[in-house]
């Protein structure tokens, strides 16, 4: 499924006040768009993820294991790293990760 479909489903769940389901679908949208290419990452998706994480009071330790990819090219760890970079505004980190040059990161 492409990132736009995940985003649409997530937005629908969020409108129904199903925040946990919405967060999981926004995470799927993020990982899917990451596989499609870093240029397709949506600031809106990243902001929704940050907002729902705070709303659900999830720590980073609780939050990162929720991220799973269905990609043949990216691992769960890649998506987790990319999301940490995205939430920190580190576009270079995301681009480097997608180009195969994995930058260092702290947890």
Protein backbone atom coordinates (compact mmCIF):
# COMPACT_ATOMS: atom_id res chain seq x y z
CA UNK A 1 0.00 0.00 0.00
CA UNK A 2 1.35 3.45 -0.78
CA UNK A 3 1.94 6.17 1.79
CA UNK A 4 -1.06 8.26 0.72
CA UNK A 5 -3.47 5.40 1.42
CA UNK A 6 -1.96 4.85 4.87
CA UNK A 7 -2.22 8.60 5.55
CA UNK A 8 -5.88 8.68 4.49
CA UNK A 9 -6.70 5.72 6.75
CA UNK A 10 -4.76 7.31 9.62
CA UNK A 11 -6.59 10.60 9.26
CA UNK A 12 -9.92 8.75 9.28
CA UNK A 13 -8.97 6.90 12.48
CA UNK A 14 -7.83 10.15 14.07
CA UNK A 15 -11.15 11.83 13.22
CA UNK A 16 -12.91 8.92 14.95
CA UNK A 17 -10.73 9.54 18.06
CA UNK A 18 -8.91 6.23 17.60
CA UNK A 19 -5.53 7.78 18.32
CA UNK A 20 -3.56 4.55 18.79
CA UNK A 21 -4.78 3.15 15.46
CA UNK A 22 -4.12 6.50 13.79
CA UNK A 23 -0.55 6.56 15.12
CA UNK A 24 0.19 3.08 13.78
CA UNK A 25 -1.16 4.03 10.36
CA UNK A 26 0.81 7.31 10.30
CA UNK A 27 3.92 5.27 11.13
CA UNK A 28 3.12 2.96 8.20
CA UNK A 29 2.67 6.02 5.98
CA UNK A 30 6.05 7.35 7.11
CA UNK A 31 7.88 4.07 6.44
CA UNK A 32 6.14 3.64 3.09
CA UNK A 33 7.03 7.15 1.96
CA UNK A 34 10.61 6.62 3.13
CA UNK A 35 10.86 3.62 0.83
CA UNK A 36 9.40 5.69 -2.02
CA UNK A 37 12.20 8.22 -1.47
CA UNK A 38 13.10 10.86 1.10
CA UNK A 39 11.73 13.61 -1.14
CA UNK A 40 8.26 12.14 -0.61
CA UNK A 41 8.36 12.40 3.18
CA UNK A 42 5.51 14.53 4.44
CA UNK A 43 6.03 17.13 7.14
CA UNK A 44 2.34 16.67 7.91
CA UNK A 45 2.86 12.97 8.63
CA UNK A 46 5.86 13.69 10.83
CA UNK A 47 3.92 16.35 12.76
CA UNK A 48 0.94 14.01 13.21
CA UNK A 49 3.25 11.30 14.57
CA UNK A 50 4.87 13.73 17.02
CA UNK A 51 1.47 15.05 18.14
CA UNK A 52 -0.07 11.61 18.69
CA UNK A 53 3.02 10.30 20.47
CA UNK A 54 2.72 13.16 22.95
CA UNK A 55 -1.06 12.82 23.21
CA UNK A 56 -0.72 9.11 24.00
CA UNK A 57 2.14 9.87 26.45
CA UNK A 58 4.52 7.41 24.82
CA UNK A 59 8.19 7.63 25.68
CA UNK A 60 10.75 7.07 22.95
CA UNK A 61 11.47 3.66 24.46
CA UNK A 62 7.78 2.71 24.18
CA UNK A 63 7.32 4.38 20.83
CA UNK A 64 10.18 3.12 18.63
CA UNK A 65 9.24 -0.60 18.80
CA UNK A 66 5.89 0.29 17.20
CA UNK A 67 7.65 1.13 13.94
CA UNK A 68 7.62 -1.72 11.43
CA UNK A 69 8.26 -1.69 7.72
CA UNK A 70 6.96 -4.01 5.05
CA UNK A 71 9.82 -3.04 2.78
CA UNK A 72 12.24 -5.29 0.97
CA UNK A 73 14.92 -2.60 1.07
CA UNK A 74 14.57 -0.93 4.48
CA UNK A 75 14.66 -2.56 7.88
CA UNK A 76 12.66 -1.64 10.96
CA UNK A 77 15.87 -0.11 12.35
CA UNK A 78 16.25 2.04 9.21
CA UNK A 79 12.70 3.37 9.62
CA UNK A 80 13.25 4.00 13.33
CA UNK A 81 16.45 5.91 12.63
CA UNK A 82 14.80 7.91 9.88
CA UNK A 83 11.91 8.83 12.16
CA UNK A 84 14.27 9.96 14.91
CA UNK A 85 16.10 12.08 12.32
CA UNK A 86 12.78 13.44 11.00
CA UNK A 87 11.49 14.37 14.44
CA UNK A 88 14.79 16.16 15.08
CA UNK A 89 14.61 17.93 11.71
CA UNK A 90 17.76 16.15 10.47
CA UNK A 91 17.08 15.92 6.73
CA UNK A 92 20.74 15.10 6.02
CA UNK A 93 20.46 12.05 8.28
CA UNK A 94 17.42 10.78 6.39
CA UNK A 95 19.01 11.38 2.99
CA UNK A 96 22.23 9.66 4.05
CA UNK A 97 20.32 6.70 5.40
CA UNK A 98 18.38 6.31 2.15
CA UNK A 99 21.59 6.53 0.14
CA UNK A 100 23.15 3.75 2.20
CA UNK A 101 25.48 5.92 4.26
CA UNK A 102 24.17 5.28 7.73
CA UNK A 103 25.00 8.25 9.97
CA UNK A 104 25.56 7.83 13.67
CA UNK A 105 22.69 8.59 15.98
CA UNK A 106 21.99 8.59 19.66
CA UNK A 107 18.98 7.04 21.28
